[in-house]
Amino acid sequence: MKTAAALLGKAIDDEKLLYGLVHCVRRAVAKNVAPPADLVAKLGLMTNAAVLLDIPDDRPLSTLIKYEAAWIVTNMASFNSDYCTELRNLGCVKKLISLIDTKRPDLAEQVHLDVTFYRLVCMGIGEHRGRQHCGAGRSSRGRHRV
């Protein structure tokens, strides 16, 4: 994880490497057993994910990178209210909302689920890590959202 954090800042010009790193971080925070949320926060990867929501659309892998970053953001927001507040202060809610109009259906679906979940948790309606009534669970494609 520390290697991924160190490489993320240097990988901004290498899209394949950037996507691979973001994907690895997303898989780590999506684990059902002992996800490294505190390490992700300590390494500054929430800030990296927030920045990646803004990468230009003219890059070939931008949609995939934004998809993974959106997933990281909401998974991290689900761990505790401090992370939720930090991500909100990084502008993630506005960034996710701006991505709803994307022409990519997979990204639009991810962002829609994320914005709904994020709004509910930040308002204190949803549960951290207990998303059954927050629009998560299984997406329409059957992919488990953790």
C-alpha atoms as a PDB file:
ATOM      1  CA  MET A   1       0.000   0.000   0.000  1.00  0.00           C
ATOM      2  CA  LYS A   2       2.851   2.386   0.814  1.00  0.00           C
ATOM      3  CA  THR A   3       4.390   1.657  -2.587  1.00  0.00           C
ATOM      4  CA  ALA A   4       1.083   2.473  -4.290  1.00  0.00           C
ATOM      5  CA  ALA A   5       0.903   5.775  -2.413  1.00  0.00           C
ATOM      6  CA  ALA A   6       4.454   6.679  -3.419  1.00  0.00           C
ATOM      7  CA  LEU A   7       3.833   5.800  -7.053  1.00  0.00           C
ATOM      8  CA  LEU A   8       0.478   7.567  -7.395  1.00  0.00           C
ATOM      9  CA  GLY A   9       2.038  11.018  -7.448  1.00  0.00           C
ATOM     10  CA  LYS A  10       4.555   9.953 -10.071  1.00  0.00           C
ATOM     11  CA  ALA A  11       2.115   7.994 -12.228  1.00  0.00           C
ATOM     12  CA  ILE A  12      -0.088  10.875 -13.329  1.00  0.00           C
ATOM     13  CA  ASP A  13       1.484  10.807 -16.813  1.00  0.00           C
ATOM     14  CA  ASP A  14       1.440   7.015 -17.181  1.00  0.00           C
ATOM     15  CA  GLU A  15      -2.229   6.105 -17.470  1.00  0.00           C
ATOM     16  CA  LYS A  16      -1.802   2.344 -17.374  1.00  0.00           C
ATOM     17  CA  LEU A  17       0.254   2.551 -14.202  1.00  0.00           C
ATOM     18  CA  LEU A  18      -2.146   5.085 -12.692  1.00  0.00           C
ATOM     19  CA  TYR A  19      -5.152   2.885 -13.431  1.00  0.00           C
ATOM     20  CA  GLY A  20      -3.397  -0.170 -12.007  1.00  0.00           C
ATOM     21  CA  LEU A  21      -2.537   1.651  -8.790  1.00  0.00           C
ATOM     22  CA  VAL A  22      -6.019   3.116  -8.319  1.00  0.00           C
ATOM     23  CA  HIS A  23      -7.546  -0.290  -9.017  1.00  0.00           C
ATOM     24  CA  CYS A  24      -5.308  -1.903  -6.362  1.00  0.00           C
ATOM     25  CA  VAL A  25      -6.247   0.699  -3.763  1.00  0.00           C
ATOM     26  CA  ARG A  26      -9.957   0.265  -4.565  1.00  0.00           C
ATOM     27  CA  ARG A  27      -9.685  -3.513  -4.225  1.00  0.00           C
ATOM     28  CA  ALA A  28      -7.928  -3.089  -0.878  1.00  0.00           C
ATOM     29  CA  VAL A  29     -10.607  -0.808   0.600  1.00  0.00           C
ATOM     30  CA  ALA A  30     -13.373  -3.019  -0.820  1.00  0.00           C
ATOM     31  CA  LYS A  31     -12.264  -6.075   1.159  1.00  0.00           C
ATOM     32  CA  ASN A  32     -14.879  -7.426   3.528  1.00  0.00           C
ATOM     33  CA  VAL A  33     -12.294  -8.521   6.075  1.00  0.00           C
ATOM     34  CA  ALA A  34      -9.856  -5.987   7.533  1.00  0.00           C
ATOM     35  CA  PRO A  35      -9.743  -3.334   4.792  1.00  0.00           C
ATOM     36  CA  PRO A  36      -6.778  -0.968   5.362  1.00  0.00           C
ATOM     37  CA  ALA A  37      -8.887   2.193   5.676  1.00  0.00           C
ATOM     38  CA  ASP A  38      -6.692   3.831   8.311  1.00  0.00           C
ATOM     39  CA  LEU A  39      -3.572   3.215   6.225  1.00  0.00           C
ATOM     40  CA  VAL A  40      -5.261   4.604   3.110  1.00  0.00           C
ATOM     41  CA  ALA A  41      -6.201   7.737   5.043  1.00  0.00           C
ATOM     42  CA  LYS A  42      -2.768   8.082   6.651  1.00  0.00           C
ATOM     43  CA  LEU A  43      -1.019   7.791   3.272  1.00  0.00           C
ATOM     44  CA  GLY A  44      -3.159  10.562   1.785  1.00  0.00           C
ATOM     45  CA  LEU A  45      -4.861   8.307  -0.724  1.00  0.00           C
ATOM     46  CA  MET A  46      -8.271   9.877  -0.085  1.00  0.00           C
ATOM     47  CA  THR A  47      -6.859  13.151  -1.399  1.00  0.00           C
ATOM     48  CA  ASN A  48      -5.433  11.320  -4.413  1.00  0.00           C
ATOM     49  CA  ALA A  49      -8.821   9.757  -5.143  1.00  0.00           C
ATOM     50  CA  ALA A  50     -10.510  13.158  -4.879  1.00  0.00           C
ATOM     51  CA  VAL A  51      -8.020  14.632  -7.361  1.00  0.00           C
ATOM     52  CA  LEU A  52      -8.528  11.731  -9.778  1.00  0.00           C
ATOM     53  CA  LEU A  53     -12.250  12.481 -10.007  1.00  0.00           C
ATOM     54  CA  ASP A  54     -11.188  15.591 -11.961  1.00  0.00           C
ATOM     55  CA  ILE A  55      -8.810  14.108 -14.527  1.00  0.00           C
ATOM     56  CA  PRO A  56      -9.515  15.287 -18.079  1.00  0.00           C
ATOM     57  CA  ASP A  57     -11.921  13.204 -20.156  1.00  0.00           C
ATOM     58  CA  ASP A  58      -9.624  13.278 -23.195  1.00  0.00           C
ATOM     59  CA  ARG A  59      -7.351  10.657 -21.631  1.00  0.00           C
ATOM     60  CA  PRO A  60      -8.022   7.089 -22.833  1.00  0.00           C
ATOM     61  CA  LEU A  61      -8.392   5.543 -19.361  1.00  0.00           C
ATOM     62  CA  SER A  62     -10.018   8.537 -17.650  1.00  0.00           C
ATOM     63  CA  THR A  63     -13.413   6.857 -17.259  1.00  0.00           C
ATOM     64  CA  LEU A  64     -11.921   3.756 -15.676  1.00  0.00           C
ATOM     65  CA  ILE A  65      -9.754   5.835 -13.353  1.00  0.00           C
ATOM     66  CA  LYS A  66     -12.727   7.973 -12.299  1.00  0.00           C
ATOM     67  CA  TYR A  67     -14.800   4.818 -11.759  1.00  0.00           C
ATOM     68  CA  GLU A  68     -12.193   3.376  -9.387  1.00  0.00           C
ATOM     69  CA  ALA A  69     -11.665   6.735  -7.643  1.00  0.00           C
ATOM     70  CA  ALA A  70     -15.420   7.127  -7.069  1.00  0.00           C
ATOM     71  CA  TRP A  71     -15.547   3.664  -5.548  1.00  0.00           C
ATOM     72  CA  ILE A  72     -12.585   4.468  -3.252  1.00  0.00           C
ATOM     73  CA  VAL A  73     -14.230   7.703  -2.126  1.00  0.00           C
ATOM     74  CA  THR A  74     -17.497   6.080  -1.081  1.00  0.00           C
ATOM     75  CA  ASN A  75     -15.864   3.058   0.492  1.00  0.00           C
ATOM     76  CA  MET A  76     -13.693   5.362   2.586  1.00  0.00           C
ATOM     77  CA  ALA A  77     -16.704   7.515   3.492  1.00  0.00           C
ATOM     78  CA  SER A  78     -18.424   4.385   4.761  1.00  0.00           C
ATOM     79  CA  PHE A  79     -15.770   3.629   7.378  1.00  0.00           C
ATOM     80  CA  ASN A  80     -16.417   6.516   9.749  1.00  0.00           C
ATOM     81  CA  SER A  81     -17.806  10.020   9.921  1.00  0.00           C
ATOM     82  CA  ASP A  82     -14.332  11.616  10.076  1.00  0.00           C
ATOM     83  CA  TYR A  83     -13.445  10.170   6.680  1.00  0.00           C
ATOM     84  CA  CYS A  84     -16.855  11.178   5.357  1.00  0.00           C
ATOM     85  CA  THR A  85     -16.300  14.747   6.517  1.00  0.00           C
ATOM     86  CA  GLU A  86     -12.777  14.862   5.095  1.00  0.00           C
ATOM     87  CA  LEU A  87     -13.967  13.656   1.702  1.00  0.00           C
ATOM     88  CA  ARG A  88     -16.826  16.142   1.723  1.00  0.00           C
ATOM     89  CA  ASN A  89     -14.313  18.902   2.528  1.00  0.00           C
ATOM     90  CA  LEU A  90     -12.182  17.739  -0.421  1.00  0.00           C
ATOM     91  CA  GLY A  91     -15.182  18.477  -2.662  1.00  0.00           C
ATOM     92  CA  CYS A  92     -15.994  14.871  -3.466  1.00  0.00           C
ATOM     93  CA  VAL A  93     -19.769  15.275  -3.315  1.00  0.00           C
ATOM     94  CA  LYS A  94     -19.736  18.038  -5.927  1.00  0.00           C
ATOM     95  CA  LYS A  95     -17.241  16.095  -8.037  1.00  0.00           C
ATOM     96  CA  LEU A  96     -19.382  12.967  -7.964  1.00  0.00           C
ATOM     97  CA  ILE A  97     -22.517  14.934  -8.817  1.00  0.00           C
ATOM     98  CA  SER A  98     -20.737  16.517 -11.788  1.00  0.00           C
ATOM     99  CA  LEU A  99     -19.965  13.031 -13.110  1.00  0.00           C
ATOM    100  CA  ILE A 100     -23.608  11.921 -13.166  1.00  0.00           C
ATOM    101  CA  ASP A 101     -24.062  13.380 -16.670  1.00  0.00           C
ATOM    102  CA  THR A 102     -21.243  11.296 -18.139  1.00  0.00           C
ATOM    103  CA  LYS A 103     -21.931   9.522 -21.415  1.00  0.00           C
ATOM    104  CA  ARG A 104     -20.469   6.293 -19.994  1.00  0.00           C
ATOM    105  CA  PRO A 105     -23.276   4.203 -18.452  1.00  0.00           C
ATOM    106  CA  ASP A 106     -20.930   2.211 -16.200  1.00  0.00           C
ATOM    107  CA  LEU A 107     -19.459   5.372 -14.667  1.00  0.00           C
ATOM    108  CA  ALA A 108     -22.900   7.010 -14.423  1.00  0.00           C
ATOM    109  CA  GLU A 109     -24.266   3.988 -12.544  1.00  0.00           C
ATOM    110  CA  GLN A 110     -21.289   3.932 -10.165  1.00  0.00           C
ATOM    111  CA  VAL A 111     -21.528   7.654  -9.500  1.00  0.00           C
ATOM    112  CA  HIS A 112     -25.307   7.532  -9.015  1.00  0.00           C
ATOM    113  CA  LEU A 113     -24.944   4.800  -6.398  1.00  0.00           C
ATOM    114  CA  ASP A 114     -22.049   6.669  -4.806  1.00  0.00           C
ATOM    115  CA  VAL A 115     -23.839  10.018  -4.596  1.00  0.00           C
ATOM    116  CA  THR A 116     -26.949   8.394  -3.129  1.00  0.00           C
ATOM    117  CA  PHE A 117     -24.936   6.466  -0.565  1.00  0.00           C
ATOM    118  CA  TYR A 118     -22.686   9.415   0.256  1.00  0.00           C
ATOM    119  CA  ARG A 119     -25.628  11.758   0.747  1.00  0.00           C
ATOM    120  CA  LEU A 120     -27.402   9.351   3.083  1.00  0.00           C
ATOM    121  CA  VAL A 121     -24.347   8.569   5.201  1.00  0.00           C
ATOM    122  CA  CYS A 122     -23.239  12.197   5.479  1.00  0.00           C
ATOM    123  CA  MET A 123     -26.748  13.165   6.499  1.00  0.00           C
ATOM    124  CA  GLY A 124     -26.650  10.501   9.205  1.00  0.00           C
ATOM    125  CA  ILE A 125     -29.373   8.417   7.582  1.00  0.00           C
ATOM    126  CA  GLY A 126     -27.219   5.558   6.354  1.00  0.00           C
ATOM    127  CA  GLU A 127     -24.919   3.330   8.323  1.00  0.00           C
ATOM    128  CA  HIS A 128     -21.166   3.221   8.029  1.00  0.00           C
ATOM    129  CA  ARG A 129     -20.193  -0.146   6.517  1.00  0.00           C
ATOM    130  CA  GLY A 130     -23.824  -1.294   6.774  1.00  0.00           C
ATOM    131  CA  ARG A 131     -25.244  -0.178   3.451  1.00  0.00           C
ATOM    132  CA  GLN A 132     -28.257  -2.410   3.073  1.00  0.00           C
ATOM    133  CA  HIS A 133     -30.706   0.490   2.998  1.00  0.00           C
ATOM    134  CA  CYS A 134     -28.393   3.046   1.400  1.00  0.00           C
ATOM    135  CA  GLY A 135     -28.634   2.115  -2.265  1.00  0.00           C
ATOM    136  CA  ALA A 136     -25.729  -0.286  -2.148  1.00  0.00           C
ATOM    137  CA  GLY A 137     -25.690  -4.041  -2.042  1.00  0.00           C
ATOM    138  CA  ARG A 138     -25.939  -5.393  -5.565  1.00  0.00           C
ATOM    139  CA  SER A 139     -25.988  -3.150  -8.596  1.00  0.00           C
ATOM    140  CA  SER A 140     -28.203  -3.838 -11.577  1.00  0.00           C
ATOM    141  CA  ARG A 141     -25.318  -5.787 -13.119  1.00  0.00           C
ATOM    142  CA  GLY A 142     -25.115  -8.047 -10.053  1.00  0.00           C
ATOM    143  CA  ARG A 143     -21.674  -6.809  -8.964  1.00  0.00           C
ATOM    144  CA  HIS A 144     -21.315  -6.779  -5.195  1.00  0.00           C
ATOM    145  CA  ARG A 145     -20.551  -3.298  -3.899  1.00  0.00           C
ATOM    146  CA  VAL A 146     -18.404  -3.343  -0.795  1.00  0.00           C
END
